[in-house]
C-alpha atoms as a PDB file:
ATOM      1  CA  MET A   1      -1.633  27.983   2.891  1.00  0.00           C
ATOM      2  CA  PHE A   2      -5.265  29.029   2.385  1.00  0.00           C
ATOM      3  CA  SER A   3      -6.095  27.689   5.844  1.00  0.00           C
ATOM      4  CA  ALA A   4      -3.202  29.640   7.345  1.00  0.00           C
ATOM      5  CA  TYR A   5      -4.330  32.806   5.542  1.00  0.00           C
ATOM      6  CA  PHE A   6      -7.816  32.516   7.074  1.00  0.00           C
ATOM      7  CA  ASN A   7      -6.336  31.623  10.487  1.00  0.00           C
ATOM      8  CA  GLN A   8      -7.813  28.136  10.366  1.00  0.00           C
ATOM      9  CA  ILE A   9      -4.391  26.587  10.909  1.00  0.00           C
ATOM     10  CA  LYS A  10      -1.142  28.050  12.221  1.00  0.00           C
ATOM     11  CA  LEU A  11       1.706  28.718   9.837  1.00  0.00           C
ATOM     12  CA  ARG A  12       3.979  27.054  12.380  1.00  0.00           C
ATOM     13  CA  ASP A  13       2.074  23.792  11.936  1.00  0.00           C
ATOM     14  CA  ILE A  14       2.458  23.979   8.152  1.00  0.00           C
ATOM     15  CA  LEU A  15       6.221  24.431   8.499  1.00  0.00           C
ATOM     16  CA  LEU A  16       6.354  21.567  10.978  1.00  0.00           C
ATOM     17  CA  TYR A  17       4.509  19.218   8.604  1.00  0.00           C
ATOM     18  CA  LEU A  18       6.833  20.307   5.781  1.00  0.00           C
ATOM     19  CA  LEU A  19       9.929  19.562   7.873  1.00  0.00           C
ATOM     20  CA  VAL A  20       8.579  16.122   8.812  1.00  0.00           C
ATOM     21  CA  PHE A  21       7.875  15.379   5.145  1.00  0.00           C
ATOM     22  CA  ILE A  22      11.430  16.374   4.175  1.00  0.00           C
ATOM     23  CA  ALA A  23      12.885  14.379   7.075  1.00  0.00           C
ATOM     24  CA  ILE A  24      11.096  11.251   5.854  1.00  0.00           C
ATOM     25  CA  LEU A  25      12.616  11.606   2.370  1.00  0.00           C
ATOM     26  CA  MET A  26      16.153  12.531   3.428  1.00  0.00           C
ATOM     27  CA  PRO A  27      17.365   9.009   4.416  1.00  0.00           C
ATOM     28  CA  TYR A  28      16.543   7.729   0.923  1.00  0.00           C
ATOM     29  CA  TYR A  29      18.393  10.558  -0.816  1.00  0.00           C
ATOM     30  CA  ALA A  30      21.291  10.155   1.604  1.00  0.00           C
ATOM     31  CA  TYR A  31      21.440   6.480   0.620  1.00  0.00           C
ATOM     32  CA  LEU A  32      21.561   7.454  -3.066  1.00  0.00           C
ATOM     33  CA  VAL A  33      24.407   9.905  -2.451  1.00  0.00           C
ATOM     34  CA  ILE A  34      26.440   7.483  -0.327  1.00  0.00           C
ATOM     35  CA  ASN A  35      26.129   4.705  -2.911  1.00  0.00           C
ATOM     36  CA  GLY A  36      26.765   6.970  -5.888  1.00  0.00           C
ATOM     37  CA  GLN A  37      23.307   6.382  -7.365  1.00  0.00           C
ATOM     38  CA  LEU A  38      21.968   9.930  -7.277  1.00  0.00           C
ATOM     39  CA  HIS A  39      22.926  10.573 -10.914  1.00  0.00           C
ATOM     40  CA  ALA A  40      21.183   7.376 -12.050  1.00  0.00           C
ATOM     41  CA  TYR A  41      18.099   8.302 -10.023  1.00  0.00           C
ATOM     42  CA  LEU A  42      17.883  11.765 -11.556  1.00  0.00           C
ATOM     43  CA  MET A  43      18.538  10.396 -15.063  1.00  0.00           C
ATOM     44  CA  TYR A  44      16.003   7.577 -15.142  1.00  0.00           C
ATOM     45  CA  ASN A  45      13.305   9.154 -12.971  1.00  0.00           C
ATOM     46  CA  TRP A  46      13.426  12.803 -14.043  1.00  0.00           C
ATOM     47  CA  THR A  47      15.577  13.637 -17.082  1.00  0.00           C
ATOM     48  CA  ILE A  48      14.168  10.910 -19.322  1.00  0.00           C
ATOM     49  CA  ASN A  49      10.573  11.545 -18.228  1.00  0.00           C
ATOM     50  CA  VAL A  50      10.902  15.277 -18.920  1.00  0.00           C
ATOM     51  CA  ASP A  51      12.242  14.424 -22.370  1.00  0.00           C
ATOM     52  CA  VAL A  52       9.316  12.057 -22.994  1.00  0.00           C
ATOM     53  CA  LEU A  53       6.839  14.804 -22.133  1.00  0.00           C
ATOM     54  CA  GLN A  54       8.512  17.144 -24.614  1.00  0.00           C
ATOM     55  CA  HIS A  55       8.130  14.602 -27.419  1.00  0.00           C
ATOM     56  CA  GLU A  56       4.680  13.258 -26.550  1.00  0.00           C
ATOM     57  CA  SER A  57       2.060  15.879 -25.795  1.00  0.00           C
ATOM     58  CA  SER A  58      -1.572  14.842 -25.527  1.00  0.00           C
ATOM     59  CA  ARG A  59      -3.101  17.598 -23.430  1.00  0.00           C
ATOM     60  CA  GLY A  60      -6.852  18.151 -23.751  1.00  0.00           C
ATOM     61  CA  ILE A  61      -8.474  15.383 -25.764  1.00  0.00           C
ATOM     62  CA  LYS A  62      -6.445  12.652 -24.028  1.00  0.00           C
ATOM     63  CA  ALA A  63      -7.520  13.957 -20.622  1.00  0.00           C
ATOM     64  CA  ILE A  64     -11.167  13.795 -21.699  1.00  0.00           C
ATOM     65  CA  LEU A  65     -10.682  10.257 -22.976  1.00  0.00           C
ATOM     66  CA  ARG A  66      -9.030   9.204 -19.699  1.00  0.00           C
ATOM     67  CA  MET A  67     -11.871  10.750 -17.708  1.00  0.00           C
ATOM     68  CA  THR A  68     -14.466   9.054 -19.906  1.00  0.00           C
ATOM     69  CA  SER A  69     -12.735   5.717 -19.444  1.00  0.00           C
ATOM     70  CA  SER A  70     -12.652   6.190 -15.675  1.00  0.00           C
ATOM     71  CA  TYR A  71     -16.346   7.111 -15.685  1.00  0.00           C
ATOM     72  CA  LYS A  72     -17.201   3.946 -17.594  1.00  0.00           C
ATOM     73  CA  ASP A  73     -15.277   1.909 -15.033  1.00  0.00           C
ATOM     74  CA  ASN A  74     -16.791   3.702 -12.001  1.00  0.00           C
ATOM     75  CA  PRO A  75     -20.023   5.507 -12.994  1.00  0.00           C
ATOM     76  CA  LEU A  76     -21.524   5.526  -9.487  1.00  0.00           C
ATOM     77  CA  LEU A  77     -18.368   6.969  -7.990  1.00  0.00           C
ATOM     78  CA  TRP A  78     -18.316   9.927 -10.377  1.00  0.00           C
ATOM     79  CA  ILE A  79     -22.087  10.516 -10.225  1.00  0.00           C
ATOM     80  CA  PHE A  80     -22.194  10.677  -6.422  1.00  0.00           C
ATOM     81  CA  TRP A  81     -19.018  12.771  -6.332  1.00  0.00           C
ATOM     82  CA  PHE A  82     -20.649  15.318  -8.642  1.00  0.00           C
ATOM     83  CA  LEU A  83     -23.784  15.382  -6.474  1.00  0.00           C
ATOM     84  CA  SER A  84     -21.673  15.909  -3.361  1.00  0.00           C
ATOM     85  CA  LEU A  85     -20.383  19.221  -4.742  1.00  0.00           C
ATOM     86  CA  PHE A  86     -23.853  20.656  -4.048  1.00  0.00           C
ATOM     87  CA  LEU A  87     -24.092  19.139  -0.554  1.00  0.00           C
ATOM     88  CA  LEU A  88     -20.915  20.430   1.099  1.00  0.00           C
ATOM     89  CA  ASP A  89     -21.659  22.755   4.015  1.00  0.00           C
ATOM     90  CA  THR A  90     -18.791  22.787   6.532  1.00  0.00           C
ATOM     91  CA  PRO A  91     -15.441  24.543   5.872  1.00  0.00           C
ATOM     92  CA  ASN A  92     -13.530  21.237   5.779  1.00  0.00           C
ATOM     93  CA  GLN A  93     -16.042  19.728   3.348  1.00  0.00           C
ATOM     94  CA  LYS A  94     -15.862  22.742   1.074  1.00  0.00           C
ATOM     95  CA  ARG A  95     -12.062  22.676   1.251  1.00  0.00           C
ATOM     96  CA  THR A  96     -12.112  19.023   0.206  1.00  0.00           C
ATOM     97  CA  GLY A  97     -14.370  19.845  -2.726  1.00  0.00           C
ATOM     98  CA  VAL A  98     -12.109  22.693  -3.859  1.00  0.00           C
ATOM     99  CA  VAL A  99      -9.005  20.497  -3.635  1.00  0.00           C
ATOM    100  CA  SER A 100     -10.706  17.747  -5.667  1.00  0.00           C
ATOM    101  CA  LEU A 101     -11.578  20.240  -8.405  1.00  0.00           C
ATOM    102  CA  LEU A 102      -8.048  21.666  -8.271  1.00  0.00           C
ATOM    103  CA  LEU A 103      -6.486  18.210  -8.720  1.00  0.00           C
ATOM    104  CA  LEU A 104      -8.807  17.486 -11.646  1.00  0.00           C
ATOM    105  CA  SER A 105      -7.822  20.813 -13.184  1.00  0.00           C
ATOM    106  CA  ILE A 106      -4.159  19.860 -12.855  1.00  0.00           C
ATOM    107  CA  PHE A 107      -4.939  16.542 -14.545  1.00  0.00           C
ATOM    108  CA  PHE A 108      -6.345  18.438 -17.535  1.00  0.00           C
ATOM    109  CA  ALA A 109      -3.466  20.912 -17.521  1.00  0.00           C
ATOM    110  CA  VAL A 110      -0.526  18.479 -17.564  1.00  0.00           C
ATOM    111  CA  GLN A 111       1.132  17.880 -20.898  1.00  0.00           C
ATOM    112  CA  THR A 112       0.613  14.100 -20.967  1.00  0.00           C
ATOM    113  CA  PRO A 113      -2.337  13.065 -18.723  1.00  0.00           C
ATOM    114  CA  TYR A 114      -1.721   9.390 -17.988  1.00  0.00           C
ATOM    115  CA  GLY A 115      -4.605   7.539 -16.354  1.00  0.00           C
ATOM    116  CA  GLN A 116      -2.664   6.850 -13.149  1.00  0.00           C
ATOM    117  CA  TYR A 117      -2.478  10.587 -12.488  1.00  0.00           C
ATOM    118  CA  LEU A 118      -6.118  10.351 -11.386  1.00  0.00           C
ATOM    119  CA  MET A 119      -4.918   8.387  -8.355  1.00  0.00           C
ATOM    120  CA  LEU A 120      -4.121  11.733  -6.704  1.00  0.00           C
ATOM    121  CA  VAL A 121      -7.749  12.806  -6.662  1.00  0.00           C
ATOM    122  CA  MET A 122      -9.478   9.424  -6.337  1.00  0.00           C
ATOM    123  CA  PRO A 123      -9.311   9.252  -2.495  1.00  0.00           C
ATOM    124  CA  LEU A 124     -11.075  12.605  -2.232  1.00  0.00           C
ATOM    125  CA  ILE A 125     -13.631  11.624  -4.856  1.00  0.00           C
ATOM    126  CA  ALA A 126     -14.365   8.396  -2.976  1.00  0.00           C
ATOM    127  CA  ILE A 127     -14.791  10.254   0.331  1.00  0.00           C
ATOM    128  CA  MET A 128     -17.088  12.831  -1.217  1.00  0.00           C
ATOM    129  CA  ALA A 129     -19.122  10.182  -3.059  1.00  0.00           C
ATOM    130  CA  GLY A 130     -19.548   8.314   0.234  1.00  0.00           C
ATOM    131  CA  TYR A 131     -20.789  11.484   1.895  1.00  0.00           C
ATOM    132  CA  SER A 132     -23.256  12.029  -0.946  1.00  0.00           C
ATOM    133  CA  ILE A 133     -24.594   8.482  -0.527  1.00  0.00           C
ATOM    134  CA  TYR A 134     -24.884   9.105   3.230  1.00  0.00           C
ATOM    135  CA  ILE A 135     -26.946  12.252   2.654  1.00  0.00           C
ATOM    136  CA  ALA A 136     -29.148  10.508   0.099  1.00  0.00           C
ATOM    137  CA  THR A 137     -29.765   7.602   2.493  1.00  0.00           C
ATOM    138  CA  ASN A 138     -30.733   9.909   5.356  1.00  0.00           C
ATOM    139  CA  LEU A 139     -33.038  11.840   3.048  1.00  0.00           C
ATOM    140  CA  PHE A 140     -34.742   8.641   2.009  1.00  0.00           C
ATOM    141  CA  ILE A 141     -35.191   7.514   5.630  1.00  0.00           C
ATOM    142  CA  LYS A 142     -36.628  10.858   6.719  1.00  0.00           C
ATOM    143  CA  MET A 143     -38.986  11.335   3.799  1.00  0.00           C
ATOM    144  CA  ARG A 144     -40.093   7.692   3.639  1.00  0.00           C
ATOM    145  CA  LEU A 145     -41.311   8.142   0.112  1.00  0.00           C
ATOM    146  CA  TYR A 146     -41.599   4.736  -1.518  1.00  0.00           C
ATOM    147  CA  VAL A 147     -41.717   6.256  -4.957  1.00  0.00           C
ATOM    148  CA  LEU A 148     -38.408   7.940  -4.265  1.00  0.00           C
ATOM    149  CA  GLY A 149     -37.076   4.602  -3.030  1.00  0.00           C
ATOM    150  CA  VAL A 150     -38.017   2.917  -6.296  1.00  0.00           C
ATOM    151  CA  ILE A 151     -36.321   5.694  -8.254  1.00  0.00           C
ATOM    152  CA  VAL A 152     -33.184   5.408  -6.133  1.00  0.00           C
ATOM    153  CA  ILE A 153     -33.089   1.636  -6.614  1.00  0.00           C
ATOM    154  CA  ILE A 154     -33.447   2.011 -10.369  1.00  0.00           C
ATOM    155  CA  CYS A 155     -30.793   4.723 -10.464  1.00  0.00           C
ATOM    156  CA  ILE A 156     -28.405   2.542  -8.460  1.00  0.00           C
ATOM    157  CA  PHE A 157     -28.932  -0.929  -9.847  1.00  0.00           C
ATOM    158  CA  HIS A 158     -29.078   0.016 -13.503  1.00  0.00           C
ATOM    159  CA  PRO A 159     -25.663   1.713 -13.453  1.00  0.00           C
ATOM    160  CA  LEU A 160     -24.432  -1.087 -11.192  1.00  0.00           C
ATOM    161  CA  ASN A 161     -25.476  -3.648 -13.773  1.00  0.00           C
ATOM    162  CA  LEU A 162     -23.663  -1.687 -16.457  1.00  0.00           C
ATOM    163  CA  TYR A 163     -20.704  -1.365 -14.118  1.00  0.00           C
ATOM    164  CA  LEU A 164     -20.476  -5.143 -13.654  1.00  0.00           C
ATOM    165  CA  LYS A 165     -20.602  -5.648 -17.407  1.00  0.00           C
ATOM    166  CA  VAL A 166     -17.821  -3.092 -17.865  1.00  0.00           C
ATOM    167  CA  ILE A 167     -15.710  -4.919 -15.257  1.00  0.00           C
ATOM    168  CA  GLN A 168     -16.171  -8.234 -17.033  1.00  0.00           C
ATOM    169  CA  ALA A 169     -15.142  -6.733 -20.378  1.00  0.00           C
ATOM    170  CA  SER A 170     -12.494  -4.352 -19.059  1.00  0.00           C
ATOM    171  CA  PRO A 171      -8.811  -4.531 -20.009  1.00  0.00           C
ATOM    172  CA  ILE A 172      -8.076  -5.226 -16.348  1.00  0.00           C
ATOM    173  CA  SER A 173      -9.944  -8.550 -16.545  1.00  0.00           C
ATOM    174  CA  LYS A 174      -8.007  -9.494 -19.664  1.00  0.00           C
ATOM    175  CA  GLN A 175      -4.753  -8.527 -17.993  1.00  0.00           C
ATOM    176  CA  LEU A 176      -5.589 -10.635 -14.933  1.00  0.00           C
ATOM    177  CA  LYS A 177      -6.227 -13.644 -17.165  1.00  0.00           C
ATOM    178  CA  LYS A 178      -2.854 -13.139 -18.837  1.00  0.00           C
ATOM    179  CA  ILE A 179      -1.216 -12.899 -15.419  1.00  0.00           C
ATOM    180  CA  GLU A 180      -2.890 -16.155 -14.334  1.00  0.00           C
ATOM    181  CA  TYR A 181      -1.671 -17.821 -17.525  1.00  0.00           C
ATOM    182  CA  VAL A 182       1.931 -16.704 -17.005  1.00  0.00           C
ATOM    183  CA  LEU A 183       1.848 -17.788 -13.375  1.00  0.00           C
ATOM    184  CA  SER A 184       0.501 -21.198 -14.385  1.00  0.00           C
ATOM    185  CA  ILE A 185       3.415 -21.918 -16.735  1.00  0.00           C
ATOM    186  CA  THR A 186       6.209 -20.492 -14.577  1.00  0.00           C
ATOM    187  CA  ARG A 187       7.649 -21.123 -11.150  1.00  0.00           C
ATOM    188  CA  PRO A 188       8.319 -18.403  -8.543  1.00  0.00           C
ATOM    189  CA  ASN A 189      12.053 -18.403  -9.316  1.00  0.00           C
ATOM    190  CA  ASP A 190      11.621 -18.276 -13.120  1.00  0.00           C
ATOM    191  CA  LEU A 191      12.605 -15.091 -14.945  1.00  0.00           C
ATOM    192  CA  ILE A 192      10.439 -13.347 -17.537  1.00  0.00           C
ATOM    193  CA  TYR A 193      10.654 -10.425 -19.948  1.00  0.00           C
ATOM    194  CA  ASP A 194       7.520  -8.269 -19.868  1.00  0.00           C
ATOM    195  CA  GLY A 195       8.022  -5.305 -22.164  1.00  0.00           C
ATOM    196  CA  GLY A 196       4.410  -4.145 -21.843  1.00  0.00           C
ATOM    197  CA  LEU A 197       4.351  -4.133 -18.018  1.00  0.00           C
ATOM    198  CA  ASN A 198       1.472  -6.598 -17.888  1.00  0.00           C
ATOM    199  CA  PHE A 199       2.670  -9.383 -15.594  1.00  0.00           C
ATOM    200  CA  ASN A 200       6.179  -8.668 -14.292  1.00  0.00           C
ATOM    201  CA  LEU A 201       4.817  -7.697 -10.875  1.00  0.00           C
ATOM    202  CA  PHE A 202       4.667 -11.390  -9.980  1.00  0.00           C
ATOM    203  CA  ARG A 203       7.836 -12.737 -11.599  1.00  0.00           C
ATOM    204  CA  ASN A 204      11.344 -11.272 -11.707  1.00  0.00           C
ATOM    205  CA  ASP A 205      11.994  -9.364 -14.932  1.00  0.00           C
ATOM    206  CA  VAL A 206      15.344  -9.574 -16.740  1.00  0.00           C
ATOM    207  CA  GLY A 207      15.463  -5.801 -17.212  1.00  0.00           C
ATOM    208  CA  LEU A 208      13.423  -2.816 -16.093  1.00  0.00           C
ATOM    209  CA  SER A 209      14.982  -0.010 -18.166  1.00  0.00           C
ATOM    210  CA  ARG A 210      13.015  -0.760 -21.307  1.00  0.00           C
ATOM    211  CA  PHE A 211      10.688   2.258 -21.219  1.00  0.00           C
ATOM    212  CA  SER A 212      10.708   4.665 -24.133  1.00  0.00           C
ATOM    213  CA  ILE A 213      12.276   2.203 -26.543  1.00  0.00           C
ATOM    214  CA  GLY A 214       9.603   2.766 -29.176  1.00  0.00           C
ATOM    215  CA  ILE A 215       9.017   5.841 -31.330  1.00  0.00           C
ATOM    216  CA  ILE A 216      10.171   8.331 -28.701  1.00  0.00           C
ATOM    217  CA  LYS A 217      13.451   6.446 -28.009  1.00  0.00           C
ATOM    218  CA  ALA A 218      14.229   8.558 -24.952  1.00  0.00           C
ATOM    219  CA  LEU A 219      16.375   5.822 -23.469  1.00  0.00           C
ATOM    220  CA  GLU A 220      18.600   5.782 -26.551  1.00  0.00           C
ATOM    221  CA  ARG A 221      19.186   9.526 -26.296  1.00  0.00           C
ATOM    222  CA  PHE A 222      20.073   9.359 -22.627  1.00  0.00           C
ATOM    223  CA  ASN A 223      21.711   5.928 -22.415  1.00  0.00           C
ATOM    224  CA  ASP A 224      24.649   6.434 -20.091  1.00  0.00           C
ATOM    225  CA  LYS A 225      26.949   3.446 -20.577  1.00  0.00           C
ATOM    226  CA  SER A 226      28.669   4.179 -17.287  1.00  0.00           C
ATOM    227  CA  ILE A 227      25.375   3.431 -15.519  1.00  0.00           C
ATOM    228  CA  TYR A 228      23.533   0.882 -17.595  1.00  0.00           C
ATOM    229  CA  GLN A 229      23.456  -0.148 -21.247  1.00  0.00           C
ATOM    230  CA  TYR A 230      20.165  -1.706 -22.266  1.00  0.00           C
ATOM    231  CA  ASN A 231      20.293  -4.621 -24.719  1.00  0.00           C
ATOM    232  CA  VAL A 232      17.155  -6.734 -24.546  1.00  0.00           C
ATOM    233  CA  TYR A 233      18.485  -9.488 -26.809  1.00  0.00           C
ATOM    234  CA  GLY A 234      21.619  -9.766 -24.697  1.00  0.00           C
ATOM    235  CA  LEU A 235      19.502 -10.007 -21.554  1.00  0.00           C
ATOM    236  CA  ILE A 236      17.395 -12.778 -23.114  1.00  0.00           C
ATOM    237  CA  GLU A 237      20.520 -14.677 -24.115  1.00  0.00           C
ATOM    238  CA  GLU A 238      22.144 -14.268 -20.704  1.00  0.00           C
ATOM    239  CA  PHE A 239      19.222 -14.889 -18.343  1.00  0.00           C
ATOM    240  CA  LYS A 240      17.056 -17.194 -20.531  1.00  0.00           C
ATOM    241  CA  PRO A 241      13.642 -15.965 -19.296  1.00  0.00           C
ATOM    242  CA  LYS A 242      10.895 -18.593 -19.302  1.00  0.00           C
ATOM    243  CA  VAL A 243       8.324 -16.236 -20.898  1.00  0.00           C
ATOM    244  CA  ILE A 244       8.894 -13.156 -23.046  1.00  0.00           C
ATOM    245  CA  SER A 245       6.505 -10.675 -24.613  1.00  0.00           C
ATOM    246  CA  ARG A 246       7.186  -9.307 -28.077  1.00  0.00           C
ATOM    247  CA  TYR A 247       6.715  -5.714 -26.890  1.00  0.00           C
ATOM    248  CA  GLY A 248       9.864  -3.774 -27.702  1.00  0.00           C
ATOM    249  CA  LEU A 249      11.369  -6.664 -29.666  1.00  0.00           C
ATOM    250  CA  GLY A 250      11.750  -5.373 -33.197  1.00  0.00           C
ATOM    251  CA  ASN A 251      13.355  -8.524 -34.580  1.00  0.00           C
ATOM    252  CA  MET A 252      11.462 -11.664 -33.605  1.00  0.00           C
ATOM    253  CA  LYS A 253      13.655 -13.635 -36.031  1.00  0.00           C
ATOM    254  CA  ASP A 254      16.756 -12.961 -33.963  1.00  0.00           C
ATOM    255  CA  TYR A 255      18.561 -16.281 -33.401  1.00  0.00           C
ATOM    256  CA  ARG A 256      18.362 -15.833 -29.639  1.00  0.00           C
ATOM    257  CA  ILE A 257      14.578 -15.865 -29.926  1.00  0.00           C
ATOM    258  CA  VAL A 258      13.701 -18.036 -32.910  1.00  0.00           C
ATOM    259  CA  ASN A 259      15.979 -20.880 -31.748  1.00  0.00           C
ATOM    260  CA  ASN A 260      14.786 -20.895 -28.161  1.00  0.00           C
ATOM    261  CA  TYR A 261      11.146 -19.778 -28.034  1.00  0.00           C
ATOM    262  CA  ARG A 262       7.782 -20.836 -29.408  1.00  0.00           C
ATOM    263  CA  LYS A 263       4.645 -18.722 -29.698  1.00  0.00           C
ATOM    264  CA  SER A 264       2.020 -19.310 -27.010  1.00  0.00           C
ATOM    265  CA  ASP A 265      -1.139 -21.021 -28.219  1.00  0.00           C
ATOM    266  CA  ARG A 266      -3.247 -18.681 -26.047  1.00  0.00           C
ATOM    267  CA  TYR A 267      -1.537 -15.310 -26.398  1.00  0.00           C
ATOM    268  CA  PRO A 268       0.174 -14.536 -29.722  1.00  0.00           C
ATOM    269  CA  ASP A 269       2.277 -11.784 -28.133  1.00  0.00           C
ATOM    270  CA  LEU A 270       3.845 -14.194 -25.624  1.00  0.00           C
ATOM    271  CA  PHE A 271       6.660 -16.645 -26.337  1.00  0.00           C
ATOM    272  CA  ILE A 272       7.671 -19.607 -24.171  1.00  0.00           C
ATOM    273  CA  ARG A 273      11.180 -20.975 -23.870  1.00  0.00           C
ATOM    274  CA  ILE A 274      11.577 -24.480 -25.303  1.00  0.00           C
ATOM    275  CA  ASN A 275      14.982 -25.409 -23.905  1.00  0.00           C
END
């Protein structure tokens, strides 16, 4: 809209892009209506999530913590993005910089700033960081100052070394090891129960409507029996998953668990079926 206001793009083109965007989404919503799933879609993707936000607000300090965590994981990316803000000179570059700041502002403004919300701005940050590196490289080539080269090398390789250490100790590395472990003790057609969403991307889960079953209990407030009634113990008894996590299982002494599962010797939160 800003581009249209300054006559940098025609309003007709904006409307055309909007119509194409809507046209792409319409077949999916038509499918939901035809199959009678629109109510379930709105319930489990919108109503429950709105309720969760009303009961779990972490605006401000949580956003700072998420940003700090992202910086620790990608220090070079954030450093060069910040430098690029002072190097933008064309209208498109400046527009990109403004949009990146706007998306970061939205991240800080939302009621519950989950880490994945940064995915909206990360492509722009990566592009701008790349441009900053490009400018710095050209500057180094033109000036041919060896002292500057040494400084650049130190500034790059020291954070890079820290970055590699962060990667090795990051939760992602631990999660990948858990995934490898689960894959090693299961077959492709085995079922699992992954309450913490750590490894069910690679094996079929017995139930996916387990979110908000903890303190918030949004699913219990909105559980529509005409659509789906969630009973994790019943699912375990019916489908007999090969591996289960204890996340969301309040009673580990339930007969359907204690009689059929043993604790993993590598991960105390995982249980393996014994029969």
